[in-house]
PDB file of N, CA and C in Angstrom:
ATOM      1  N   MET A   1      68.052 105.886  37.390  1.00  0.00           N
ATOM      2  CA  MET A   1      68.364 104.619  38.045  1.00  0.00           C
ATOM      3  C   MET A   1      69.471 103.909  37.275  1.00  0.00           C
ATOM      4  N   SER A   2      70.317 103.231  38.009  1.00  0.00           N
ATOM      5  CA  SER A   2      71.492 102.590  37.425  1.00  0.00           C
ATOM      6  C   SER A   2      71.290 101.083  37.285  1.00  0.00           C
ATOM      7  N   ASN A   3      71.922 100.524  36.277  1.00  0.00           N
ATOM      8  CA  ASN A   3      71.910  99.072  36.096  1.00  0.00           C
ATOM      9  C   ASN A   3      73.169  98.433  36.655  1.00  0.00           C
ATOM     10  N   PHE A   4      74.013  99.205  37.312  1.00  0.00           N
ATOM     11  CA  PHE A   4      75.258  98.674  37.846  1.00  0.00           C
ATOM     12  C   PHE A   4      75.010  98.031  39.202  1.00  0.00           C
ATOM     13  N   THR A   5      75.560  96.853  39.369  1.00  0.00           N
ATOM     14  CA  THR A   5      75.392  96.082  40.601  1.00  0.00           C
ATOM     15  C   THR A   5      76.515  96.417  41.579  1.00  0.00           C
ATOM     16  N   PRO A   6      76.367  96.000  42.842  1.00  0.00           N
ATOM     17  CA  PRO A   6      77.476  96.160  43.784  1.00  0.00           C
ATOM     18  C   PRO A   6      78.753  95.472  43.286  1.00  0.00           C
ATOM     19  N   GLU A   7      78.586  94.356  42.598  1.00  0.00           N
ATOM     20  CA  GLU A   7      79.751  93.659  42.046  1.00  0.00           C
ATOM     21  C   GLU A   7      80.450  94.527  41.003  1.00  0.00           C
ATOM     22  N   ASP A   8      79.656  95.219  40.185  1.00  0.00           N
ATOM     23  CA  ASP A   8      80.238  96.144  39.206  1.00  0.00           C
ATOM     24  C   ASP A   8      81.016  97.252  39.905  1.00  0.00           C
ATOM     25  N   LEU A   9      80.447  97.758  40.994  1.00  0.00           N
ATOM     26  CA  LEU A   9      81.125  98.826  41.728  1.00  0.00           C
ATOM     27  C   LEU A   9      82.425  98.328  42.352  1.00  0.00           C
ATOM     28  N   LEU A  10      82.427  97.089  42.808  1.00  0.00           N
ATOM     29  CA  LEU A  10      83.672  96.520  43.342  1.00  0.00           C
ATOM     30  C   LEU A  10      84.727  96.389  42.251  1.00  0.00           C
ATOM     31  N   LEU A  11      84.308  95.944  41.081  1.00  0.00           N
ATOM     32  CA  LEU A  11      85.249  95.866  39.959  1.00  0.00           C
ATOM     33  C   LEU A  11      85.792  97.253  39.628  1.00  0.00           C
ATOM     34  N   TYR A  12      84.929  98.247  39.666  1.00  0.00           N
ATOM     35  CA  TYR A  12      85.344  99.631  39.418  1.00  0.00           C
ATOM     36  C   TYR A  12      86.338 100.080  40.493  1.00  0.00           C
ATOM     37  N   LEU A  13      85.987  99.813  41.736  1.00  0.00           N
ATOM     38  CA  LEU A  13      86.811 100.230  42.869  1.00  0.00           C
ATOM     39  C   LEU A  13      88.210  99.626  42.810  1.00  0.00           C
ATOM     40  N   TYR A  14      88.298  98.381  42.381  1.00  0.00           N
ATOM     41  CA  TYR A  14      89.589  97.699  42.299  1.00  0.00           C
ATOM     42  C   TYR A  14      90.221  97.805  40.912  1.00  0.00           C
ATOM     43  N   ASN A  15      89.640  98.669  40.082  1.00  0.00           N
ATOM     44  CA  ASN A  15      90.160  98.923  38.731  1.00  0.00           C
ATOM     45  C   ASN A  15      90.325  97.616  37.951  1.00  0.00           C
ATOM     46  N   ASP A  16      89.284  96.809  38.006  1.00  0.00           N
ATOM     47  CA  ASP A  16      89.326  95.481  37.393  1.00  0.00           C
ATOM     48  C   ASP A  16      88.220  95.325  36.347  1.00  0.00           C
ATOM     49  N   MET A  17      88.070  96.356  35.513  1.00  0.00           N
ATOM     50  CA  MET A  17      87.082  96.283  34.435  1.00  0.00           C
ATOM     51  C   MET A  17      87.652  96.957  33.204  1.00  0.00           C
ATOM     52  N   ASP A  18      87.076  96.633  32.064  1.00  0.00           N
ATOM     53  CA  ASP A  18      87.583  97.217  30.825  1.00  0.00           C
ATOM     54  C   ASP A  18      87.295  98.723  30.789  1.00  0.00           C
ATOM     55  N   ALA A  19      88.042  99.416  29.963  1.00  0.00           N
ATOM     56  CA  ALA A  19      87.986 100.879  29.916  1.00  0.00           C
ATOM     57  C   ALA A  19      86.604 101.397  29.537  1.00  0.00           C
ATOM     58  N   ASP A  20      85.940 100.749  28.598  1.00  0.00           N
ATOM     59  CA  ASP A  20      84.616 101.209  28.171  1.00  0.00           C
ATOM     60  C   ASP A  20      83.601 101.133  29.310  1.00  0.00           C
ATOM     61  N   THR A  21      83.603 100.020  30.015  1.00  0.00           N
ATOM     62  CA  THR A  21      82.671  99.864  31.134  1.00  0.00           C
ATOM     63  C   THR A  21      83.002 100.859  32.233  1.00  0.00           C
ATOM     64  N   ARG A  22      84.292 101.070  32.468  1.00  0.00           N
ATOM     65  CA  ARG A  22      84.715 102.037  33.482  1.00  0.00           C
ATOM     66  C   ARG A  22      84.173 103.428  33.152  1.00  0.00           C
ATOM     67  N   LEU A  23      84.260 103.815  31.891  1.00  0.00           N
ATOM     68  CA  LEU A  23      83.730 105.113  31.473  1.00  0.00           C
ATOM     69  C   LEU A  23      82.216 105.182  31.680  1.00  0.00           C
ATOM     70  N   GLN A  24      81.529 104.085  31.416  1.00  0.00           N
ATOM     71  CA  GLN A  24      80.079 104.049  31.633  1.00  0.00           C
ATOM     72  C   GLN A  24      79.742 104.215  33.112  1.00  0.00           C
ATOM     73  N   VAL A  25      80.508 103.541  33.965  1.00  0.00           N
ATOM     74  CA  VAL A  25      80.286 103.663  35.411  1.00  0.00           C
ATOM     75  C   VAL A  25      80.530 105.106  35.840  1.00  0.00           C
ATOM     76  N   GLU A  26      81.625 105.698  35.378  1.00  0.00           N
ATOM     77  CA  GLU A  26      81.945 107.074  35.757  1.00  0.00           C
ATOM     78  C   GLU A  26      80.865 108.049  35.291  1.00  0.00           C
ATOM     79  N   ALA A  27      80.344 107.843  34.089  1.00  0.00           N
ATOM     80  CA  ALA A  27      79.268 108.707  33.589  1.00  0.00           C
ATOM     81  C   ALA A  27      78.023 108.568  34.464  1.00  0.00           C
ATOM     82  N   GLN A  28      77.721 107.337  34.852  1.00  0.00           N
ATOM     83  CA  GLN A  28      76.544 107.117  35.696  1.00  0.00           C
ATOM     84  C   GLN A  28      76.762 107.682  37.094  1.00  0.00           C
ATOM     85  N   LEU A  29      77.988 107.593  37.608  1.00  0.00           N
ATOM     86  CA  LEU A  29      78.291 108.149  38.928  1.00  0.00           C
ATOM     87  C   LEU A  29      78.059 109.653  38.959  1.00  0.00           C
ATOM     88  N   GLU A  30      78.342 110.331  37.861  1.00  0.00           N
ATOM     89  CA  GLU A  30      78.125 111.777  37.796  1.00  0.00           C
ATOM     90  C   GLU A  30      76.647 112.129  37.915  1.00  0.00           C
ATOM     91  N   LYS A  31      75.773 111.256  37.439  1.00  0.00           N
ATOM     92  CA  LYS A  31      74.337 111.540  37.408  1.00  0.00           C
ATOM     93  C   LYS A  31      73.564 110.960  38.592  1.00  0.00           C
ATOM     94  N   ASP A  32      74.071 109.908  39.191  1.00  0.00           N
ATOM     95  CA  ASP A  32      73.284 109.110  40.142  1.00  0.00           C
ATOM     96  C   ASP A  32      73.888 109.176  41.544  1.00  0.00           C
ATOM     97  N   TRP A  33      73.264 109.990  42.412  1.00  0.00           N
ATOM     98  CA  TRP A  33      73.811 110.141  43.762  1.00  0.00           C
ATOM     99  C   TRP A  33      73.695 108.844  44.562  1.00  0.00           C
ATOM    100  N   THR A  34      72.679 108.031  44.293  1.00  0.00           N
ATOM    101  CA  THR A  34      72.537 106.756  45.000  1.00  0.00           C
ATOM    102  C   THR A  34      73.711 105.838  44.681  1.00  0.00           C
ATOM    103  N   LEU A  35      74.100 105.821  43.432  1.00  0.00           N
ATOM    104  CA  LEU A  35      75.245 105.010  43.027  1.00  0.00           C
ATOM    105  C   LEU A  35      76.525 105.529  43.681  1.00  0.00           C
ATOM    106  N   ARG A  36      76.649 106.858  43.772  1.00  0.00           N
ATOM    107  CA  ARG A  36      77.822 107.444  44.446  1.00  0.00           C
ATOM    108  C   ARG A  36      77.855 107.051  45.917  1.00  0.00           C
ATOM    109  N   GLU A  37      76.688 107.040  46.552  1.00  0.00           N
ATOM    110  CA  GLU A  37      76.615 106.639  47.958  1.00  0.00           C
ATOM    111  C   GLU A  37      77.012 105.173  48.136  1.00  0.00           C
ATOM    112  N   LYS A  38      76.539 104.331  47.244  1.00  0.00           N
ATOM    113  CA  LYS A  38      76.904 102.907  47.314  1.00  0.00           C
ATOM    114  C   LYS A  38      78.407 102.729  47.136  1.00  0.00           C
ATOM    115  N   LEU A  39      78.979 103.475  46.202  1.00  0.00           N
ATOM    116  CA  LEU A  39      80.424 103.402  45.989  1.00  0.00           C
ATOM    117  C   LEU A  39      81.172 103.906  47.218  1.00  0.00           C
ATOM    118  N   ALA A  40      80.668 104.961  47.843  1.00  0.00           N
ATOM    119  CA  ALA A  40      81.310 105.495  49.048  1.00  0.00           C
ATOM    120  C   ALA A  40      81.312 104.465  50.173  1.00  0.00           C
ATOM    121  N   VAL A  41      80.224 103.731  50.324  1.00  0.00           N
ATOM    122  CA  VAL A  41      80.151 102.684  51.354  1.00  0.00           C
ATOM    123  C   VAL A  41      81.177 101.593  51.067  1.00  0.00           C
ATOM    124  N   LEU A  42      81.279 101.193  49.810  1.00  0.00           N
ATOM    125  CA  LEU A  42      82.258 100.164  49.440  1.00  0.00           C
ATOM    126  C   LEU A  42      83.688 100.653  49.644  1.00  0.00           C
ATOM    127  N   LYS A  43      83.946 101.922  49.317  1.00  0.00           N
ATOM    128  CA  LYS A  43      85.287 102.487  49.533  1.00  0.00           C
ATOM    129  C   LYS A  43      85.635 102.489  51.009  1.00  0.00           C
ATOM    130  N   ALA A  44      84.678 102.882  51.846  1.00  0.00           N
ATOM    131  CA  ALA A  44      84.923 102.908  53.290  1.00  0.00           C
ATOM    132  C   ALA A  44      85.215 101.505  53.814  1.00  0.00           C
ATOM    133  N   ALA A  45      84.471 100.522  53.336  1.00  0.00           N
ATOM    134  CA  ALA A  45      84.710  99.137  53.757  1.00  0.00           C
ATOM    135  C   ALA A  45      86.088  98.664  53.305  1.00  0.00           C
ATOM    136  N   LYS A  46      86.459  99.014  52.082  1.00  0.00           N
ATOM    137  CA  LYS A  46      87.780  98.639  51.566  1.00  0.00           C
ATOM    138  C   LYS A  46      88.877  99.261  52.423  1.00  0.00           C
ATOM    139  N   ASP A  47      88.705 100.534  52.769  1.00  0.00           N
ATOM    140  CA  ASP A  47      89.701 101.212  53.603  1.00  0.00           C
ATOM    141  C   ASP A  47      89.822 100.555  54.974  1.00  0.00           C
ATOM    142  N   ARG A  48      88.679 100.201  55.569  1.00  0.00           N
ATOM    143  CA  ARG A  48      88.720  99.528  56.878  1.00  0.00           C
ATOM    144  C   ARG A  48      89.425  98.181  56.770  1.00  0.00           C
ATOM    145  N   LEU A  49      89.133  97.436  55.725  1.00  0.00           N
ATOM    146  CA  LEU A  49      89.784  96.132  55.540  1.00  0.00           C
ATOM    147  C   LEU A  49      91.287  96.283  55.332  1.00  0.00           C
ATOM    148  N   ASN A  50      91.686  97.320  54.610  1.00  0.00           N
ATOM    149  CA  ASN A  50      93.114  97.541  54.366  1.00  0.00           C
ATOM    150  C   ASN A  50      93.863  97.919  55.639  1.00  0.00           C
ATOM    151  N   ARG A  51      93.161  98.473  56.622  1.00  0.00           N
ATOM    152  CA  ARG A  51      93.814  98.867  57.872  1.00  0.00           C
ATOM    153  C   ARG A  51      93.911  97.725  58.878  1.00  0.00           C
ATOM    154  N   LEU A  52      93.185  96.642  58.632  1.00  0.00           N
ATOM    155  CA  LEU A  52      93.227  95.508  59.557  1.00  0.00           C
ATOM    156  C   LEU A  52      94.605  94.862  59.543  1.00  0.00           C
ATOM    157  N   THR A  53      95.059  94.511  60.710  1.00  0.00           N
ATOM    158  CA  THR A  53      96.292  93.734  60.804  1.00  0.00           C
ATOM    159  C   THR A  53      95.953  92.439  61.538  1.00  0.00           C
ATOM    160  N   GLU A  54      96.051  91.378  60.824  1.00  0.00           N
ATOM    161  CA  GLU A  54      95.729  90.066  61.374  1.00  0.00           C
ATOM    162  C   GLU A  54      97.008  89.261  61.535  1.00  0.00           C
ATOM    163  N   SER A  55      97.077  88.545  62.627  1.00  0.00           N
ATOM    164  CA  SER A  55      98.210  87.662  62.883  1.00  0.00           C
ATOM    165  C   SER A  55      97.675  86.313  63.333  1.00  0.00           C
ATOM    166  N   PRO A  56      98.382  85.257  62.995  1.00  0.00           N
ATOM    167  CA  PRO A  56      97.930  83.945  63.468  1.00  0.00           C
ATOM    168  C   PRO A  56      98.096  83.849  64.982  1.00  0.00           C
ATOM    169  N   ARG A  57      97.278  83.007  65.581  1.00  0.00           N
ATOM    170  CA  ARG A  57      97.388  82.803  67.023  1.00  0.00           C
ATOM    171  C   ARG A  57      98.735  82.157  67.341  1.00  0.00           C
ATOM    172  N   THR A  58      99.224  82.408  68.530  1.00  0.00           N
ATOM    173  CA  THR A  58     100.490  81.836  68.982  1.00  0.00           C
ATOM    174  C   THR A  58     100.450  80.315  68.894  1.00  0.00           C
ATOM    175  N   GLU A  59      99.312  79.728  69.234  1.00  0.00           N
ATOM    176  CA  GLU A  59      99.169  78.272  69.184  1.00  0.00           C
ATOM    177  C   GLU A  59      99.422  77.741  67.771  1.00  0.00           C
ATOM    178  N   VAL A  60      98.938  78.446  66.777  1.00  0.00           N
ATOM    179  CA  VAL A  60      99.126  78.025  65.389  1.00  0.00           C
ATOM    180  C   VAL A  60     100.608  78.089  65.017  1.00  0.00           C
ATOM    181  N   ILE A  61     101.254  79.168  65.378  1.00  0.00           N
ATOM    182  CA  ILE A  61     102.687  79.322  65.077  1.00  0.00           C
ATOM    183  C   ILE A  61     103.496  78.219  65.750  1.00  0.00           C
ATOM    184  N   LEU A  62     103.197  77.946  67.020  1.00  0.00           N
ATOM    185  CA  LEU A  62     103.934  76.905  67.742  1.00  0.00           C
ATOM    186  C   LEU A  62     103.711  75.528  67.118  1.00  0.00           C
ATOM    187  N   THR A  63     102.500  75.251  66.682  1.00  0.00           N
ATOM    188  CA  THR A  63     102.216  73.969  66.028  1.00  0.00           C
ATOM    189  C   THR A  63     103.018  73.833  64.741  1.00  0.00           C
ATOM    190  N   ILE A  64     103.050  74.888  63.949  1.00  0.00           N
ATOM    191  CA  ILE A  64     103.821  74.866  62.700  1.00  0.00           C
ATOM    192  C   ILE A  64     105.302  74.653  62.989  1.00  0.00           C
ATOM    193  N   MET A  65     105.822  75.362  63.972  1.00  0.00           N
ATOM    194  CA  MET A  65     107.238  75.226  64.317  1.00  0.00           C
ATOM    195  C   MET A  65     107.541  73.808  64.811  1.00  0.00           C
ATOM    196  N   HIS A  66     106.632  73.246  65.601  1.00  0.00           N
ATOM    197  CA  HIS A  66     106.817  71.886  66.109  1.00  0.00           C
ATOM    198  C   HIS A  66     106.833  70.878  64.955  1.00  0.00           C
ATOM    199  N   LYS A  67     105.885  71.017  64.037  1.00  0.00           N
ATOM    200  CA  LYS A  67     105.831  70.110  62.882  1.00  0.00           C
ATOM    201  C   LYS A  67     107.083  70.255  62.013  1.00  0.00           C
ATOM    202  N   ALA A  68     107.550  71.481  61.840  1.00  0.00           N
ATOM    203  CA  ALA A  68     108.763  71.704  61.043  1.00  0.00           C
ATOM    204  C   ALA A  68     109.965  71.053  61.715  1.00  0.00           C
ATOM    205  N   ALA A  69     110.053  71.166  63.033  1.00  0.00           N
ATOM    206  CA  ALA A  69     111.161  70.545  63.759  1.00  0.00           C
ATOM    207  C   ALA A  69     111.100  69.024  63.630  1.00  0.00           C
ATOM    208  N   GLU A  70     109.891  68.463  63.698  1.00  0.00           N
ATOM    209  CA  GLU A  70     109.742  67.014  63.528  1.00  0.00           C
ATOM    210  C   GLU A  70     110.218  66.579  62.146  1.00  0.00           C
ATOM    211  N   ARG A  71     109.830  67.313  61.130  1.00  0.00           N
ATOM    212  CA  ARG A  71     110.239  66.980  59.757  1.00  0.00           C
ATOM    213  C   ARG A  71     111.752  67.089  59.604  1.00  0.00           C
ATOM    214  N   LEU A  72     112.322  68.117  60.206  1.00  0.00           N
ATOM    215  CA  LEU A  72     113.765  68.308  60.123  1.00  0.00           C
ATOM    216  C   LEU A  72     114.482  67.138  60.787  1.00  0.00           C
ATOM    217  N   THR A  73     113.980  66.710  61.942  1.00  0.00           N
ATOM    218  CA  THR A  73     114.569  65.581  62.654  1.00  0.00           C
ATOM    219  C   THR A  73     114.461  64.309  61.812  1.00  0.00           C
ATOM    220  N   GLU A  74     113.313  64.093  61.168  1.00  0.00           N
ATOM    221  CA  GLU A  74     113.130  62.914  60.318  1.00  0.00           C
ATOM    222  C   GLU A  74     114.085  62.945  59.127  1.00  0.00           C
ATOM    223  N   THR A  75     114.322  64.112  58.574  1.00  0.00           N
ATOM    224  CA  THR A  75     115.193  64.255  57.411  1.00  0.00           C
ATOM    225  C   THR A  75     116.647  63.983  57.777  1.00  0.00           C
ATOM    226  N   VAL A  76     117.060  64.400  58.955  1.00  0.00           N
ATOM    227  CA  VAL A  76     118.444  64.242  59.393  1.00  0.00           C
ATOM    228  C   VAL A  76     118.760  62.779  59.655  1.00  0.00           C
ATOM    229  N   ARG A  77     117.813  62.018  60.120  1.00  0.00           N
ATOM    230  CA  ARG A  77     118.062  60.602  60.458  1.00  0.00           C
ATOM    231  C   ARG A  77     118.436  59.806  59.291  1.00  0.00           C
TER     232      ARG A  77
END
């Protein structure tokens, strides 16, 4: 059984942990199939999130453009 939390696995996945802890996680991953499965789920979620393409709604863009035009008009006066 592992003492590594999902948060630890996220730090591992994003390479955001010190080298010693990373080595400990890797050693535990070799022994613990449950931990490997949890890491696989997190990797899959990360991959899905990386493939998402989000854009602001047209209404938001138009509002920003309108406000910018108002500011520009105020500045010119």
